[in-house]
Amino acid sequence: MLNRYETVFILTPVLSEDQVKEAVKKYHDLITKAGGKIVNEELWGLKKLAYNIRKKSTGFYNLIEFEIEGKEIQDYEVAFKRDERILRFLTVKLEKHAVAYAERRIRKYKEAAEAKN
């Protein structure tokens, strides 16, 4: 059975736009190769950190919401721990109420994006 997870991670600000896209693609590929499915992705851009991490005061924030088997999460998180480009990450398993909230949030996010275009 597939569980629903959400990962927020912060990439170091010294990366170029192409390097950020490459890093995000790496984690997409890890999910899909393990039999998972990407539900939603949001690139929040360069944001100021609440406190310095490795002498950096900003970072590129990213959110990936996905479905995958629980046993695959450990390998996914090990990849984050080994990647020098990652300042911080947090993976959370979504319960049924959180999934409902996330779906409403995704709908609002997409409607807002369509309204801009």
PDB file of N, CA and C in Angstrom:
ATOM      1  N   MET A   1       0.840  -1.188   0.000  1.00  0.00           N
ATOM      2  CA  MET A   1       0.000   0.000   0.000  1.00  0.00           C
ATOM      3  C   MET A   1       0.884   1.249   0.000  1.00  0.00           C
ATOM      4  N   LEU A   2       0.501   2.200  -0.818  1.00  0.00           N
ATOM      5  CA  LEU A   2       1.265   3.440  -0.895  1.00  0.00           C
ATOM      6  C   LEU A   2       0.808   4.410   0.182  1.00  0.00           C
ATOM      7  N   ASN A   3       1.779   5.009   0.849  1.00  0.00           N
ATOM      8  CA  ASN A   3       1.508   6.046   1.837  1.00  0.00           C
ATOM      9  C   ASN A   3       1.796   7.395   1.203  1.00  0.00           C
ATOM     10  N   ARG A   4       1.168   8.434   1.728  1.00  0.00           N
ATOM     11  CA  ARG A   4       1.377   9.789   1.209  1.00  0.00           C
ATOM     12  C   ARG A   4       2.358  10.520   2.111  1.00  0.00           C
ATOM     13  N   TYR A   5       3.372  11.132   1.508  1.00  0.00           N
ATOM     14  CA  TYR A   5       4.407  11.854   2.239  1.00  0.00           C
ATOM     15  C   TYR A   5       4.580  13.245   1.633  1.00  0.00           C
ATOM     16  N   GLU A   6       5.180  14.100   2.443  1.00  0.00           N
ATOM     17  CA  GLU A   6       5.503  15.446   2.003  1.00  0.00           C
ATOM     18  C   GLU A   6       6.924  15.754   2.493  1.00  0.00           C
ATOM     19  N   THR A   7       7.764  16.210   1.599  1.00  0.00           N
ATOM     20  CA  THR A   7       9.130  16.574   1.963  1.00  0.00           C
ATOM     21  C   THR A   7       9.364  18.030   1.605  1.00  0.00           C
ATOM     22  N   VAL A   8       9.853  18.780   2.573  1.00  0.00           N
ATOM     23  CA  VAL A   8      10.302  20.148   2.338  1.00  0.00           C
ATOM     24  C   VAL A   8      11.811  20.125   2.523  1.00  0.00           C
ATOM     25  N   PHE A   9      12.524  20.650   1.553  1.00  0.00           N
ATOM     26  CA  PHE A   9      13.978  20.696   1.688  1.00  0.00           C
ATOM     27  C   PHE A   9      14.502  22.049   1.227  1.00  0.00           C
ATOM     28  N   ILE A  10      15.664  22.416   1.799  1.00  0.00           N
ATOM     29  CA  ILE A  10      16.289  23.699   1.510  1.00  0.00           C
ATOM     30  C   ILE A  10      17.637  23.426   0.858  1.00  0.00           C
ATOM     31  N   LEU A  11      17.808  23.992  -0.331  1.00  0.00           N
ATOM     32  CA  LEU A  11      19.073  23.866  -1.055  1.00  0.00           C
ATOM     33  C   LEU A  11      19.945  25.089  -0.784  1.00  0.00           C
ATOM     34  N   THR A  12      21.241  24.899  -0.826  1.00  0.00           N
ATOM     35  CA  THR A  12      22.184  25.984  -0.596  1.00  0.00           C
ATOM     36  C   THR A  12      21.985  27.105  -1.632  1.00  0.00           C
ATOM     37  N   PRO A  13      22.135  28.356  -1.235  1.00  0.00           N
ATOM     38  CA  PRO A  13      21.872  29.475  -2.144  1.00  0.00           C
ATOM     39  C   PRO A  13      22.962  29.717  -3.185  1.00  0.00           C
ATOM     40  N   VAL A  14      24.077  29.031  -3.116  1.00  0.00           N
ATOM     41  CA  VAL A  14      25.167  29.259  -4.067  1.00  0.00           C
ATOM     42  C   VAL A  14      24.949  28.528  -5.394  1.00  0.00           C
ATOM     43  N   LEU A  15      23.863  27.778  -5.511  1.00  0.00           N
ATOM     44  CA  LEU A  15      23.576  27.026  -6.734  1.00  0.00           C
ATOM     45  C   LEU A  15      22.964  27.924  -7.798  1.00  0.00           C
ATOM     46  N   SER A  16      23.221  27.606  -9.049  1.00  0.00           N
ATOM     47  CA  SER A  16      22.567  28.306 -10.157  1.00  0.00           C
ATOM     48  C   SER A  16      21.162  27.720 -10.336  1.00  0.00           C
ATOM     49  N   GLU A  17      20.377  28.363 -11.173  1.00  0.00           N
ATOM     50  CA  GLU A  17      19.014  27.885 -11.420  1.00  0.00           C
ATOM     51  C   GLU A  17      19.022  26.470 -12.009  1.00  0.00           C
ATOM     52  N   ASP A  18      19.954  26.204 -12.918  1.00  0.00           N
ATOM     53  CA  ASP A  18      20.062  24.873 -13.524  1.00  0.00           C
ATOM     54  C   ASP A  18      20.452  23.818 -12.489  1.00  0.00           C
ATOM     55  N   GLN A  19      21.344  24.174 -11.580  1.00  0.00           N
ATOM     56  CA  GLN A  19      21.764  23.234 -10.542  1.00  0.00           C
ATOM     57  C   GLN A  19      20.624  22.935  -9.580  1.00  0.00           C
ATOM     58  N   VAL A  20      19.780  23.929  -9.294  1.00  0.00           N
ATOM     59  CA  VAL A  20      18.609  23.708  -8.432  1.00  0.00           C
ATOM     60  C   VAL A  20      17.654  22.737  -9.119  1.00  0.00           C
ATOM     61  N   LYS A  21      17.389  22.964 -10.404  1.00  0.00           N
ATOM     62  CA  LYS A  21      16.494  22.074 -11.152  1.00  0.00           C
ATOM     63  C   LYS A  21      17.044  20.651 -11.197  1.00  0.00           C
ATOM     64  N   GLU A  22      18.358  20.528 -11.369  1.00  0.00           N
ATOM     65  CA  GLU A  22      19.004  19.214 -11.403  1.00  0.00           C
ATOM     66  C   GLU A  22      18.847  18.492 -10.062  1.00  0.00           C
ATOM     67  N   ALA A  23      19.021  19.229  -8.960  1.00  0.00           N
ATOM     68  CA  ALA A  23      18.892  18.632  -7.630  1.00  0.00           C
ATOM     69  C   ALA A  23      17.461  18.161  -7.379  1.00  0.00           C
ATOM     70  N   VAL A  24      16.487  18.977  -7.751  1.00  0.00           N
ATOM     71  CA  VAL A  24      15.081  18.605  -7.566  1.00  0.00           C
ATOM     72  C   VAL A  24      14.747  17.390  -8.419  1.00  0.00           C
ATOM     73  N   LYS A  25      15.263  17.357  -9.653  1.00  0.00           N
ATOM     74  CA  LYS A  25      15.018  16.210 -10.543  1.00  0.00           C
ATOM     75  C   LYS A  25      15.589  14.925  -9.951  1.00  0.00           C
ATOM     76  N   LYS A  26      16.726  15.029  -9.277  1.00  0.00           N
ATOM     77  CA  LYS A  26      17.336  13.852  -8.652  1.00  0.00           C
ATOM     78  C   LYS A  26      16.363  13.202  -7.664  1.00  0.00           C
ATOM     79  N   TYR A  27      15.689  14.010  -6.874  1.00  0.00           N
ATOM     80  CA  TYR A  27      14.771  13.465  -5.873  1.00  0.00           C
ATOM     81  C   TYR A  27      13.465  12.987  -6.509  1.00  0.00           C
ATOM     82  N   HIS A  28      13.056  13.614  -7.605  1.00  0.00           N
ATOM     83  CA  HIS A  28      11.915  13.089  -8.368  1.00  0.00           C
ATOM     84  C   HIS A  28      12.237  11.696  -8.877  1.00  0.00           C
ATOM     85  N   ASP A  29      13.430  11.560  -9.453  1.00  0.00           N
ATOM     86  CA  ASP A  29      13.838  10.272 -10.018  1.00  0.00           C
ATOM     87  C   ASP A  29      13.940   9.186  -8.950  1.00  0.00           C
ATOM     88  N   LEU A  30      14.439   9.555  -7.760  1.00  0.00           N
ATOM     89  CA  LEU A  30      14.512   8.572  -6.668  1.00  0.00           C
ATOM     90  C   LEU A  30      13.123   8.042  -6.318  1.00  0.00           C
ATOM     91  N   ILE A  31      12.154   8.919  -6.298  1.00  0.00           N
ATOM     92  CA  ILE A  31      10.776   8.524  -5.963  1.00  0.00           C
ATOM     93  C   ILE A  31      10.194   7.624  -7.048  1.00  0.00           C
ATOM     94  N   THR A  32      10.325   8.043  -8.296  1.00  0.00           N
ATOM     95  CA  THR A  32       9.712   7.268  -9.381  1.00  0.00           C
ATOM     96  C   THR A  32      10.410   5.920  -9.591  1.00  0.00           C
ATOM     97  N   LYS A  33      11.723   5.869  -9.418  1.00  0.00           N
ATOM     98  CA  LYS A  33      12.438   4.596  -9.564  1.00  0.00           C
ATOM     99  C   LYS A  33      12.064   3.600  -8.469  1.00  0.00           C
ATOM    100  N   ALA A  34      11.646   4.117  -7.309  1.00  0.00           N
ATOM    101  CA  ALA A  34      11.246   3.242  -6.203  1.00  0.00           C
ATOM    102  C   ALA A  34       9.768   2.863  -6.303  1.00  0.00           C
ATOM    103  N   GLY A  35       9.127   3.237  -7.401  1.00  0.00           N
ATOM    104  CA  GLY A  35       7.725   2.877  -7.593  1.00  0.00           C
ATOM    105  C   GLY A  35       6.748   3.889  -7.030  1.00  0.00           C
ATOM    106  N   GLY A  36       7.225   5.072  -6.716  1.00  0.00           N
ATOM    107  CA  GLY A  36       6.369   6.116  -6.165  1.00  0.00           C
ATOM    108  C   GLY A  36       5.776   6.998  -7.242  1.00  0.00           C
ATOM    109  N   LYS A  37       4.923   7.908  -6.808  1.00  0.00           N
ATOM    110  CA  LYS A  37       4.241   8.811  -7.723  1.00  0.00           C
ATOM    111  C   LYS A  37       4.268  10.213  -7.133  1.00  0.00           C
ATOM    112  N   ILE A  38       4.689  11.203  -7.924  1.00  0.00           N
ATOM    113  CA  ILE A  38       4.705  12.597  -7.496  1.00  0.00           C
ATOM    114  C   ILE A  38       3.274  13.128  -7.583  1.00  0.00           C
ATOM    115  N   VAL A  39       2.781  13.670  -6.473  1.00  0.00           N
ATOM    116  CA  VAL A  39       1.428  14.230  -6.433  1.00  0.00           C
ATOM    117  C   VAL A  39       1.470  15.725  -6.680  1.00  0.00           C
ATOM    118  N   ASN A  40       2.433  16.401  -6.062  1.00  0.00           N
ATOM    119  CA  ASN A  40       2.521  17.851  -6.170  1.00  0.00           C
ATOM    120  C   ASN A  40       3.958  18.282  -5.933  1.00  0.00           C
ATOM    121  N   GLU A  41       4.324  19.374  -6.592  1.00  0.00           N
ATOM    122  CA  GLU A  41       5.646  19.964  -6.383  1.00  0.00           C
ATOM    123  C   GLU A  41       5.488  21.471  -6.371  1.00  0.00           C
ATOM    124  N   GLU A  42       6.138  22.112  -5.424  1.00  0.00           N
ATOM    125  CA  GLU A  42       6.120  23.566  -5.354  1.00  0.00           C
ATOM    126  C   GLU A  42       7.544  24.048  -5.124  1.00  0.00           C
ATOM    127  N   LEU A  43       7.967  24.970  -5.969  1.00  0.00           N
ATOM    128  CA  LEU A  43       9.269  25.605  -5.800  1.00  0.00           C
ATOM    129  C   LEU A  43       9.008  26.974  -5.191  1.00  0.00           C
ATOM    130  N   TRP A  44       9.367  27.128  -3.947  1.00  0.00           N
ATOM    131  CA  TRP A  44       9.070  28.368  -3.231  1.00  0.00           C
ATOM    132  C   TRP A  44      10.114  29.436  -3.454  1.00  0.00           C
ATOM    133  N   GLY A  45      11.226  29.084  -4.044  1.00  0.00           N
ATOM    134  CA  GLY A  45      12.249  30.061  -4.382  1.00  0.00           C
ATOM    135  C   GLY A  45      13.217  30.357  -3.253  1.00  0.00           C
ATOM    136  N   LEU A  46      13.990  31.414  -3.455  1.00  0.00           N
ATOM    137  CA  LEU A  46      15.013  31.816  -2.492  1.00  0.00           C
ATOM    138  C   LEU A  46      14.359  32.579  -1.343  1.00  0.00           C
ATOM    139  N   LYS A  47      14.532  32.073  -0.133  1.00  0.00           N
ATOM    140  CA  LYS A  47      13.923  32.677   1.071  1.00  0.00           C
ATOM    141  C   LYS A  47      14.991  32.861   2.135  1.00  0.00           C
ATOM    142  N   LYS A  48      14.735  33.814   3.014  1.00  0.00           N
ATOM    143  CA  LYS A  48      15.623  34.051   4.148  1.00  0.00           C
ATOM    144  C   LYS A  48      15.374  32.978   5.206  1.00  0.00           C
ATOM    145  N   LEU A  49      16.443  32.443   5.765  1.00  0.00           N
ATOM    146  CA  LEU A  49      16.349  31.433   6.817  1.00  0.00           C
ATOM    147  C   LEU A  49      16.114  32.116   8.168  1.00  0.00           C
ATOM    148  N   ALA A  50      15.472  31.419   9.074  1.00  0.00           N
ATOM    149  CA  ALA A  50      15.240  31.956  10.420  1.00  0.00           C
ATOM    150  C   ALA A  50      16.559  32.107  11.176  1.00  0.00           C
ATOM    151  N   TYR A  51      17.508  31.241  10.880  1.00  0.00           N
ATOM    152  CA  TYR A  51      18.840  31.307  11.489  1.00  0.00           C
ATOM    153  C   TYR A  51      19.838  30.756  10.477  1.00  0.00           C
ATOM    154  N   ASN A  52      21.086  31.120  10.623  1.00  0.00           N
ATOM    155  CA  ASN A  52      22.114  30.677   9.686  1.00  0.00           C
ATOM    156  C   ASN A  52      22.340  29.169   9.790  1.00  0.00           C
ATOM    157  N   ILE A  53      22.493  28.552   8.633  1.00  0.00           N
ATOM    158  CA  ILE A  53      22.833  27.135   8.551  1.00  0.00           C
ATOM    159  C   ILE A  53      24.090  27.048   7.694  1.00  0.00           C
ATOM    160  N   ARG A  54      25.156  26.503   8.252  1.00  0.00           N
ATOM    161  CA  ARG A  54      26.444  26.424   7.551  1.00  0.00           C
ATOM    162  C   ARG A  54      26.858  27.785   6.984  1.00  0.00           C
ATOM    163  N   LYS A  55      26.676  28.816   7.771  1.00  0.00           N
ATOM    164  CA  LYS A  55      27.035  30.201   7.439  1.00  0.00           C
ATOM    165  C   LYS A  55      26.242  30.760   6.261  1.00  0.00           C
ATOM    166  N   LYS A  56      25.096  30.182   5.964  1.00  0.00           N
ATOM    167  CA  LYS A  56      24.219  30.674   4.901  1.00  0.00           C
ATOM    168  C   LYS A  56      22.973  31.284   5.542  1.00  0.00           C
ATOM    169  N   SER A  57      22.525  32.431   5.034  1.00  0.00           N
ATOM    170  CA  SER A  57      21.349  33.084   5.598  1.00  0.00           C
ATOM    171  C   SER A  57      20.125  32.947   4.707  1.00  0.00           C
ATOM    172  N   THR A  58      20.290  32.383   3.493  1.00  0.00           N
ATOM    173  CA  THR A  58      19.174  32.148   2.586  1.00  0.00           C
ATOM    174  C   THR A  58      19.280  30.740   2.011  1.00  0.00           C
ATOM    175  N   GLY A  59      18.200  30.296   1.370  1.00  0.00           N
ATOM    176  CA  GLY A  59      18.205  28.986   0.738  1.00  0.00           C
ATOM    177  C   GLY A  59      17.030  28.840  -0.210  1.00  0.00           C
ATOM    178  N   PHE A  60      17.134  27.915  -1.148  1.00  0.00           N
ATOM    179  CA  PHE A  60      16.053  27.618  -2.094  1.00  0.00           C
ATOM    180  C   PHE A  60      15.131  26.574  -1.471  1.00  0.00           C
ATOM    181  N   TYR A  61      13.899  26.965  -1.188  1.00  0.00           N
ATOM    182  CA  TYR A  61      12.916  26.076  -0.571  1.00  0.00           C
ATOM    183  C   TYR A  61      12.154  25.316  -1.652  1.00  0.00           C
ATOM    184  N   ASN A  62      11.926  24.028  -1.401  1.00  0.00           N
ATOM    185  CA  ASN A  62      11.193  23.159  -2.321  1.00  0.00           C
ATOM    186  C   ASN A  62      10.280  22.236  -1.528  1.00  0.00           C
ATOM    187  N   LEU A  63       9.126  21.927  -2.094  1.00  0.00           N
ATOM    188  CA  LEU A  63       8.200  20.982  -1.483  1.00  0.00           C
ATOM    189  C   LEU A  63       7.856  19.924  -2.520  1.00  0.00           C
ATOM    190  N   ILE A  64       7.927  18.664  -2.123  1.00  0.00           N
ATOM    191  CA  ILE A  64       7.496  17.562  -2.981  1.00  0.00           C
ATOM    192  C   ILE A  64       6.511  16.724  -2.179  1.00  0.00           C
ATOM    193  N   GLU A  65       5.333  16.522  -2.734  1.00  0.00           N
ATOM    194  CA  GLU A  65       4.329  15.658  -2.127  1.00  0.00           C
ATOM    195  C   GLU A  65       4.220  14.428  -3.014  1.00  0.00           C
ATOM    196  N   PHE A  66       4.280  13.251  -2.401  1.00  0.00           N
ATOM    197  CA  PHE A  66       4.359  12.026  -3.197  1.00  0.00           C
ATOM    198  C   PHE A  66       3.742  10.841  -2.462  1.00  0.00           C
ATOM    199  N   GLU A  67       3.501   9.784  -3.225  1.00  0.00           N
ATOM    200  CA  GLU A  67       3.008   8.520  -2.683  1.00  0.00           C
ATOM    201  C   GLU A  67       4.066   7.460  -2.958  1.00  0.00           C
ATOM    202  N   ILE A  68       4.380   6.680  -1.913  1.00  0.00           N
ATOM    203  CA  ILE A  68       5.414   5.650  -2.037  1.00  0.00           C
ATOM    204  C   ILE A  68       5.223   4.646  -0.906  1.00  0.00           C
ATOM    205  N   GLU A  69       5.790   3.473  -1.061  1.00  0.00           N
ATOM    206  CA  GLU A  69       5.749   2.488   0.020  1.00  0.00           C
ATOM    207  C   GLU A  69       6.646   2.957   1.165  1.00  0.00           C
ATOM    208  N   GLY A  70       6.229   2.682   2.387  1.00  0.00           N
ATOM    209  CA  GLY A  70       6.944   3.137   3.562  1.00  0.00           C
ATOM    210  C   GLY A  70       8.373   2.654   3.667  1.00  0.00           C
ATOM    211  N   LYS A  71       8.643   1.456   3.158  1.00  0.00           N
ATOM    212  CA  LYS A  71       9.998   0.899   3.271  1.00  0.00           C
ATOM    213  C   LYS A  71      11.008   1.653   2.408  1.00  0.00           C
ATOM    214  N   GLU A  72      10.555   2.425   1.437  1.00  0.00           N
ATOM    215  CA  GLU A  72      11.447   3.156   0.529  1.00  0.00           C
ATOM    216  C   GLU A  72      11.905   4.493   1.112  1.00  0.00           C
ATOM    217  N   ILE A  73      11.251   4.980   2.142  1.00  0.00           N
ATOM    218  CA  ILE A  73      11.559   6.295   2.718  1.00  0.00           C
ATOM    219  C   ILE A  73      12.969   6.354   3.279  1.00  0.00           C
ATOM    220  N   GLN A  74      13.431   5.286   3.875  1.00  0.00           N
ATOM    221  CA  GLN A  74      14.759   5.292   4.480  1.00  0.00           C
ATOM    222  C   GLN A  74      15.840   5.592   3.432  1.00  0.00           C
ATOM    223  N   ASP A  75      15.778   4.944   2.279  1.00  0.00           N
ATOM    224  CA  ASP A  75      16.760   5.192   1.213  1.00  0.00           C
ATOM    225  C   ASP A  75      16.655   6.629   0.696  1.00  0.00           C
ATOM    226  N   TYR A  76      15.441   7.126   0.605  1.00  0.00           N
ATOM    227  CA  TYR A  76      15.178   8.493   0.151  1.00  0.00           C
ATOM    228  C   TYR A  76      15.839   9.499   1.094  1.00  0.00           C
ATOM    229  N   GLU A  77      15.678   9.303   2.395  1.00  0.00           N
ATOM    230  CA  GLU A  77      16.256  10.223   3.373  1.00  0.00           C
ATOM    231  C   GLU A  77      17.776  10.107   3.447  1.00  0.00           C
ATOM    232  N   VAL A  78      18.320   8.930   3.227  1.00  0.00           N
ATOM    233  CA  VAL A  78      19.780   8.769   3.198  1.00  0.00           C
ATOM    234  C   VAL A  78      20.365   9.607   2.060  1.00  0.00           C
ATOM    235  N   ALA A  79      19.666   9.658   0.930  1.00  0.00           N
ATOM    236  CA  ALA A  79      20.139  10.470  -0.199  1.00  0.00           C
ATOM    237  C   ALA A  79      20.200  11.946   0.188  1.00  0.00           C
ATOM    238  N   PHE A  80      19.222  12.427   0.955  1.00  0.00           N
ATOM    239  CA  PHE A  80      19.243  13.818   1.423  1.00  0.00           C
ATOM    240  C   PHE A  80      20.426  14.060   2.359  1.00  0.00           C
ATOM    241  N   LYS A  81      20.675  13.126   3.255  1.00  0.00           N
ATOM    242  CA  LYS A  81      21.756  13.287   4.229  1.00  0.00           C
ATOM    243  C   LYS A  81      23.126  13.320   3.555  1.00  0.00           C
ATOM    244  N   ARG A  82      23.277  12.629   2.448  1.00  0.00           N
ATOM    245  CA  ARG A  82      24.569  12.551   1.754  1.00  0.00           C
ATOM    246  C   ARG A  82      24.809  13.696   0.779  1.00  0.00           C
ATOM    247  N   ASP A  83      23.785  14.428   0.442  1.00  0.00           N
ATOM    248  CA  ASP A  83      23.881  15.485  -0.565  1.00  0.00           C
ATOM    249  C   ASP A  83      24.357  16.788   0.084  1.00  0.00           C
ATOM    250  N   GLU A  84      25.504  17.291  -0.360  1.00  0.00           N
ATOM    251  CA  GLU A  84      26.069  18.523   0.194  1.00  0.00           C
ATOM    252  C   GLU A  84      25.240  19.753  -0.137  1.00  0.00           C
ATOM    253  N   ARG A  85      24.417  19.668  -1.183  1.00  0.00           N
ATOM    254  CA  ARG A  85      23.610  20.813  -1.596  1.00  0.00           C
ATOM    255  C   ARG A  85      22.423  21.056  -0.668  1.00  0.00           C
ATOM    256  N   ILE A  86      22.046  20.059   0.129  1.00  0.00           N
ATOM    257  CA  ILE A  86      20.893  20.151   1.011  1.00  0.00           C
ATOM    258  C   ILE A  86      21.318  20.745   2.352  1.00  0.00           C
ATOM    259  N   LEU A  87      20.684  21.871   2.731  1.00  0.00           N
ATOM    260  CA  LEU A  87      20.949  22.459   4.044  1.00  0.00           C
ATOM    261  C   LEU A  87      20.106  21.776   5.118  1.00  0.00           C
ATOM    262  N   ARG A  88      18.820  21.595   4.848  1.00  0.00           N
ATOM    263  CA  ARG A  88      17.895  20.937   5.778  1.00  0.00           C
ATOM    264  C   ARG A  88      16.792  20.259   4.969  1.00  0.00           C
ATOM    265  N   PHE A  89      16.184  19.233   5.574  1.00  0.00           N
ATOM    266  CA  PHE A  89      15.022  18.592   4.956  1.00  0.00           C
ATOM    267  C   PHE A  89      14.140  18.008   6.055  1.00  0.00           C
ATOM    268  N   LEU A  90      12.887  17.835   5.721  1.00  0.00           N
ATOM    269  CA  LEU A  90      11.943  17.208   6.641  1.00  0.00           C
ATOM    270  C   LEU A  90      10.917  16.451   5.822  1.00  0.00           C
ATOM    271  N   THR A  91      10.768  15.160   6.115  1.00  0.00           N
ATOM    272  CA  THR A  91       9.770  14.324   5.456  1.00  0.00           C
ATOM    273  C   THR A  91       8.722  13.945   6.486  1.00  0.00           C
ATOM    274  N   VAL A  92       7.453  14.134   6.115  1.00  0.00           N
ATOM    275  CA  VAL A  92       6.337  13.883   7.018  1.00  0.00           C
ATOM    276  C   VAL A  92       5.336  12.974   6.325  1.00  0.00           C
ATOM    277  N   LYS A  93       4.868  11.953   7.035  1.00  0.00           N
ATOM    278  CA  LYS A  93       3.799  11.096   6.512  1.00  0.00           C
ATOM    279  C   LYS A  93       2.480  11.809   6.769  1.00  0.00           C
ATOM    280  N   LEU A  94       1.665  11.922   5.727  1.00  0.00           N
ATOM    281  CA  LEU A  94       0.389  12.627   5.845  1.00  0.00           C
ATOM    282  C   LEU A  94      -0.723  11.657   6.232  1.00  0.00           C
ATOM    283  N   GLU A  95      -1.453  11.992   7.268  1.00  0.00           N
ATOM    284  CA  GLU A  95      -2.633  11.228   7.672  1.00  0.00           C
ATOM    285  C   GLU A  95      -3.809  11.656   6.798  1.00  0.00           C
ATOM    286  N   LYS A  96      -4.960  11.012   6.931  1.00  0.00           N
ATOM    287  CA  LYS A  96      -6.081  11.270   6.019  1.00  0.00           C
ATOM    288  C   LYS A  96      -6.568  12.715   6.085  1.00  0.00           C
ATOM    289  N   HIS A  97      -6.567  13.338   7.251  1.00  0.00           N
ATOM    290  CA  HIS A  97      -7.018  14.722   7.355  1.00  0.00           C
ATOM    291  C   HIS A  97      -6.000  15.672   6.726  1.00  0.00           C
ATOM    292  N   ALA A  98      -4.735  15.362   6.879  1.00  0.00           N
ATOM    293  CA  ALA A  98      -3.682  16.168   6.268  1.00  0.00           C
ATOM    294  C   ALA A  98      -3.717  16.038   4.746  1.00  0.00           C
ATOM    295  N   VAL A  99      -4.054  14.854   4.245  1.00  0.00           N
ATOM    296  CA  VAL A  99      -4.164  14.646   2.800  1.00  0.00           C
ATOM    297  C   VAL A  99      -5.300  15.501   2.247  1.00  0.00           C
ATOM    298  N   ALA A 100      -6.437  15.523   2.934  1.00  0.00           N
ATOM    299  CA  ALA A 100      -7.575  16.342   2.497  1.00  0.00           C
ATOM    300  C   ALA A 100      -7.185  17.820   2.480  1.00  0.00           C
ATOM    301  N   TYR A 101      -6.492  18.271   3.527  1.00  0.00           N
ATOM    302  CA  TYR A 101      -6.045  19.667   3.574  1.00  0.00           C
ATOM    303  C   TYR A 101      -5.064  19.958   2.441  1.00  0.00           C
ATOM    304  N   ALA A 102      -4.129  19.047   2.200  1.00  0.00           N
ATOM    305  CA  ALA A 102      -3.135  19.236   1.143  1.00  0.00           C
ATOM    306  C   ALA A 102      -3.798  19.336  -0.223  1.00  0.00           C
ATOM    307  N   GLU A 103      -4.822  18.542  -0.461  1.00  0.00           N
ATOM    308  CA  GLU A 103      -5.525  18.595  -1.745  1.00  0.00           C
ATOM    309  C   GLU A 103      -6.238  19.928  -1.932  1.00  0.00           C
ATOM    310  N   ARG A 104      -6.834  20.461  -0.854  1.00  0.00           N
ATOM    311  CA  ARG A 104      -7.464  21.793  -0.936  1.00  0.00           C
ATOM    312  C   ARG A 104      -6.403  22.860  -1.199  1.00  0.00           C
ATOM    313  N   ARG A 105      -5.246  22.744  -0.537  1.00  0.00           N
ATOM    314  CA  ARG A 105      -4.163  23.707  -0.714  1.00  0.00           C
ATOM    315  C   ARG A 105      -3.634  23.664  -2.149  1.00  0.00           C
ATOM    316  N   ILE A 106      -3.498  22.463  -2.701  1.00  0.00           N
ATOM    317  CA  ILE A 106      -3.024  22.307  -4.074  1.00  0.00           C
ATOM    318  C   ILE A 106      -4.000  22.965  -5.045  1.00  0.00           C
ATOM    319  N   ARG A 107      -5.301  22.745  -4.828  1.00  0.00           N
ATOM    320  CA  ARG A 107      -6.319  23.356  -5.691  1.00  0.00           C
ATOM    321  C   ARG A 107      -6.212  24.879  -5.661  1.00  0.00           C
ATOM    322  N   LYS A 108      -6.086  25.446  -4.465  1.00  0.00           N
ATOM    323  CA  LYS A 108      -5.972  26.904  -4.337  1.00  0.00           C
ATOM    324  C   LYS A 108      -4.688  27.412  -4.992  1.00  0.00           C
ATOM    325  N   TYR A 109      -3.608  26.673  -4.825  1.00  0.00           N
ATOM    326  CA  TYR A 109      -2.322  27.050  -5.413  1.00  0.00           C
ATOM    327  C   TYR A 109      -2.427  27.082  -6.936  1.00  0.00           C
ATOM    328  N   LYS A 110      -3.066  26.062  -7.525  1.00  0.00           N
ATOM    329  CA  LYS A 110      -3.210  26.001  -8.972  1.00  0.00           C
ATOM    330  C   LYS A 110      -4.157  27.084  -9.487  1.00  0.00           C
ATOM    331  N   GLU A 111      -5.226  27.340  -8.742  1.00  0.00           N
ATOM    332  CA  GLU A 111      -6.162  28.409  -9.159  1.00  0.00           C
ATOM    333  C   GLU A 111      -5.477  29.762  -9.142  1.00  0.00           C
ATOM    334  N   ALA A 112      -4.655  30.013  -8.130  1.00  0.00           N
ATOM    335  CA  ALA A 112      -3.932  31.274  -8.045  1.00  0.00           C
ATOM    336  C   ALA A 112      -2.936  31.409  -9.195  1.00  0.00           C
ATOM    337  N   ALA A 113      -2.277  30.293  -9.534  1.00  0.00           N
ATOM    338  CA  ALA A 113      -1.315  30.309 -10.647  1.00  0.00           C
ATOM    339  C   ALA A 113      -2.028  30.575 -11.979  1.00  0.00           C
ATOM    340  N   GLU A 114      -3.206  29.995 -12.163  1.00  0.00           N
ATOM    341  CA  GLU A 114      -3.970  30.210 -13.389  1.00  0.00           C
ATOM    342  C   GLU A 114      -4.474  31.635 -13.467  1.00  0.00           C
ATOM    343  N   ALA A 115      -4.839  32.231 -12.345  1.00  0.00           N
ATOM    344  CA  ALA A 115      -5.329  33.597 -12.316  1.00  0.00           C
ATOM    345  C   ALA A 115      -4.229  34.584 -12.729  1.00  0.00           C
ATOM    346  N   LYS A 116      -2.967  34.255 -12.383  1.00  0.00           N
ATOM    347  CA  LYS A 116      -1.838  35.114 -12.767  1.00  0.00           C
ATOM    348  C   LYS A 116      -1.614  35.097 -14.268  1.00  0.00           C
ATOM    349  N   ASN A 117      -1.872  33.943 -14.891  1.00  0.00           N
ATOM    350  CA  ASN A 117      -1.630  33.812 -16.346  1.00  0.00           C
ATOM    351  C   ASN A 117      -2.789  34.338 -17.063  1.00  0.00           C
TER     352      ASN A 117
END
